C-alpha atoms as a PDB file:
ATOM      1  CA  MET A   1      52.615   3.871   9.060  1.00  0.00           C
ATOM      2  CA  SER A   2      49.062   3.821   7.744  1.00  0.00           C
ATOM      3  CA  VAL A   3      46.225   2.959  10.069  1.00  0.00           C
ATOM      4  CA  LEU A   4      44.915  -0.414   8.938  1.00  0.00           C
ATOM      5  CA  ASP A   5      41.965  -2.388  10.260  1.00  0.00           C
ATOM      6  CA  GLU A   6      42.194  -6.088  11.126  1.00  0.00           C
ATOM      7  CA  VAL A   7      41.039  -7.251   7.693  1.00  0.00           C
ATOM      8  CA  GLN A   8      43.645  -5.102   5.936  1.00  0.00           C
ATOM      9  CA  ILE A   9      46.401  -6.247   8.295  1.00  0.00           C
ATOM     10  CA  SER A  10      45.414  -9.853   7.640  1.00  0.00           C
ATOM     11  CA  ARG A  11      45.551  -9.248   3.873  1.00  0.00           C
ATOM     12  CA  VAL A  12      48.966  -7.555   4.099  1.00  0.00           C
ATOM     13  CA  ILE A  13      50.303 -10.533   6.079  1.00  0.00           C
ATOM     14  CA  GLU A  14      48.845 -12.922   3.502  1.00  0.00           C
ATOM     15  CA  MET A  15      50.448 -10.955   0.658  1.00  0.00           C
ATOM     16  CA  ALA A  16      53.777 -10.831   2.515  1.00  0.00           C
ATOM     17  CA  TRP A  17      53.800 -14.633   2.842  1.00  0.00           C
ATOM     18  CA  GLU A  18      52.987 -15.158  -0.855  1.00  0.00           C
ATOM     19  CA  ASP A  19      56.040 -15.897  -2.972  1.00  0.00           C
ATOM     20  CA  ARG A  20      55.057 -13.963  -6.073  1.00  0.00           C
ATOM     21  CA  THR A  21      53.624 -10.791  -4.522  1.00  0.00           C
ATOM     22  CA  PRO A  22      56.348  -8.126  -4.576  1.00  0.00           C
ATOM     23  CA  PHE A  23      56.671  -5.552  -1.825  1.00  0.00           C
ATOM     24  CA  SER A  24      55.813  -2.871  -4.383  1.00  0.00           C
ATOM     25  CA  ALA A  25      52.333  -4.416  -4.797  1.00  0.00           C
ATOM     26  CA  ILE A  26      51.791  -4.169  -1.043  1.00  0.00           C
ATOM     27  CA  GLU A  27      52.997  -0.578  -1.109  1.00  0.00           C
ATOM     28  CA  HIS A  28      50.696   0.252  -4.013  1.00  0.00           C
ATOM     29  CA  GLY A  29      47.667  -1.338  -2.351  1.00  0.00           C
ATOM     30  CA  TYR A  30      48.221  -0.406   1.287  1.00  0.00           C
ATOM     31  CA  GLY A  31      50.858   2.331   1.365  1.00  0.00           C
ATOM     32  CA  LEU A  32      53.383   0.212   3.283  1.00  0.00           C
ATOM     33  CA  ASN A  33      56.925   0.030   1.947  1.00  0.00           C
ATOM     34  CA  GLU A  34      59.175  -2.970   2.603  1.00  0.00           C
ATOM     35  CA  THR A  35      60.449  -1.548   5.903  1.00  0.00           C
ATOM     36  CA  ALA A  36      56.896  -0.928   7.138  1.00  0.00           C
ATOM     37  CA  VAL A  37      55.846  -4.455   6.144  1.00  0.00           C
ATOM     38  CA  ILE A  38      58.792  -5.878   8.090  1.00  0.00           C
ATOM     39  CA  LYS A  39      57.795  -3.817  11.147  1.00  0.00           C
ATOM     40  CA  LEU A  40      54.167  -4.950  10.811  1.00  0.00           C
ATOM     41  CA  MET A  41      55.208  -8.585  10.525  1.00  0.00           C
ATOM     42  CA  ARG A  42      57.575  -8.286  13.499  1.00  0.00           C
ATOM     43  CA  HIS A  43      54.813  -6.738  15.617  1.00  0.00           C
ATOM     44  CA  THR A  44      52.030  -9.118  14.509  1.00  0.00           C
ATOM     45  CA  LEU A  45      53.669 -12.533  14.171  1.00  0.00           C
ATOM     46  CA  LYS A  46      55.137 -14.724  16.865  1.00  0.00           C
ATOM     47  CA  PRO A  47      58.940 -14.386  17.032  1.00  0.00           C
ATOM     48  CA  SER A  48      59.523 -17.823  15.517  1.00  0.00           C
ATOM     49  CA  SER A  49      57.065 -17.157  12.696  1.00  0.00           C
ATOM     50  CA  PHE A  50      58.707 -13.810  11.994  1.00  0.00           C
ATOM     51  CA  ARG A  51      62.170 -15.400  11.780  1.00  0.00           C
ATOM     52  CA  LEU A  52      60.824 -18.085   9.433  1.00  0.00           C
ATOM     53  CA  TRP A  53      59.188 -15.427   7.238  1.00  0.00           C
ATOM     54  CA  ARG A  54      62.363 -13.290   7.112  1.00  0.00           C
ATOM     55  CA  ARG A  55      64.463 -16.294   6.107  1.00  0.00           C
ATOM     56  CA  ARG A  56      61.917 -17.172   3.426  1.00  0.00           C
ATOM     57  CA  VAL A  57      61.619 -13.625   2.034  1.00  0.00           C
ATOM     58  CA  SER A  58      65.353 -13.015   2.013  1.00  0.00           C
ATOM     59  CA  CYS A  59      65.817 -15.850  -0.490  1.00  0.00           C
ATOM     60  CA  ARG A  60      62.963 -14.853  -2.817  1.00  0.00           C
ATOM     61  CA  ALA A  61      63.895 -12.797  -5.853  1.00  0.00           C
ATOM     62  CA  THR A  62      60.190 -12.513  -6.700  1.00  0.00           C
ATOM     63  CA  LYS A  63      59.544 -10.340  -3.621  1.00  0.00           C
ATOM     64  CA  HIS A  64      61.808  -7.591  -4.960  1.00  0.00           C
ATOM     65  CA  ASP A  65      61.020  -5.830  -8.243  1.00  0.00           C
ATOM     66  CA  ALA A  66      64.687  -5.170  -8.973  1.00  0.00           C
ATOM     67  CA  LYS A  67      65.415  -8.902  -8.919  1.00  0.00           C
ATOM     68  CA  ARG A  68      62.169 -10.055 -10.518  1.00  0.00           C
ATOM     69  CA  SER A  69      61.661 -10.986 -14.133  1.00  0.00           C
ATOM     70  CA  PHE A  70      58.479  -9.399 -15.450  1.00  0.00           C
ATOM     71  CA  SER A  71      57.540 -12.296 -17.695  1.00  0.00           C
ATOM     72  CA  VAL A  72      54.635 -12.813 -15.296  1.00  0.00           C
ATOM     73  CA  GLY A  73      52.669  -9.600 -15.545  1.00  0.00           C
ATOM     74  CA  ARG A  74      50.506 -10.033 -12.473  1.00  0.00           C
ATOM     75  CA  ALA A  75      51.023  -9.442  -8.776  1.00  0.00           C
ATOM     76  CA  TYR A  76      48.850 -12.306  -7.585  1.00  0.00           C
ATOM     77  CA  CYS A  77      47.634 -15.739  -8.570  1.00  0.00           C
ATOM     78  CA  LYS A  78      44.308 -15.897 -10.424  1.00  0.00           C
ATOM     79  CA  THR A  79      43.008 -18.306  -7.769  1.00  0.00           C
ATOM     80  CA  GLN A  80      44.165 -16.089  -4.898  1.00  0.00           C
ATOM     81  CA  TYR A  81      40.798 -14.591  -4.001  1.00  0.00           C
ATOM     82  CA  LYS A  82      38.715 -17.469  -2.790  1.00  0.00           C
ATOM     83  CA  PRO A  83      35.047 -17.158  -1.874  1.00  0.00           C
ATOM     84  CA  ARG A  84      34.643 -17.359   1.885  1.00  0.00           C
END
């Protein structure tokens, strides 16, 4: 697994929770495949939050490129990056 700093880990978690960000976008940006993201989430989140996330992701076709329609050509929402 890649060595990520806290900001990168936080961003990966945020992307993993987003409905329309596929795992391939996380892999492209951070070098973590779906299995590595699952391990990161299991290690970082509370057990109940991890179970909730897994249930949510398992039902989302948009998280998996093979199941996703590419009518939407972007990996994130245009309002995703908010000024902080």
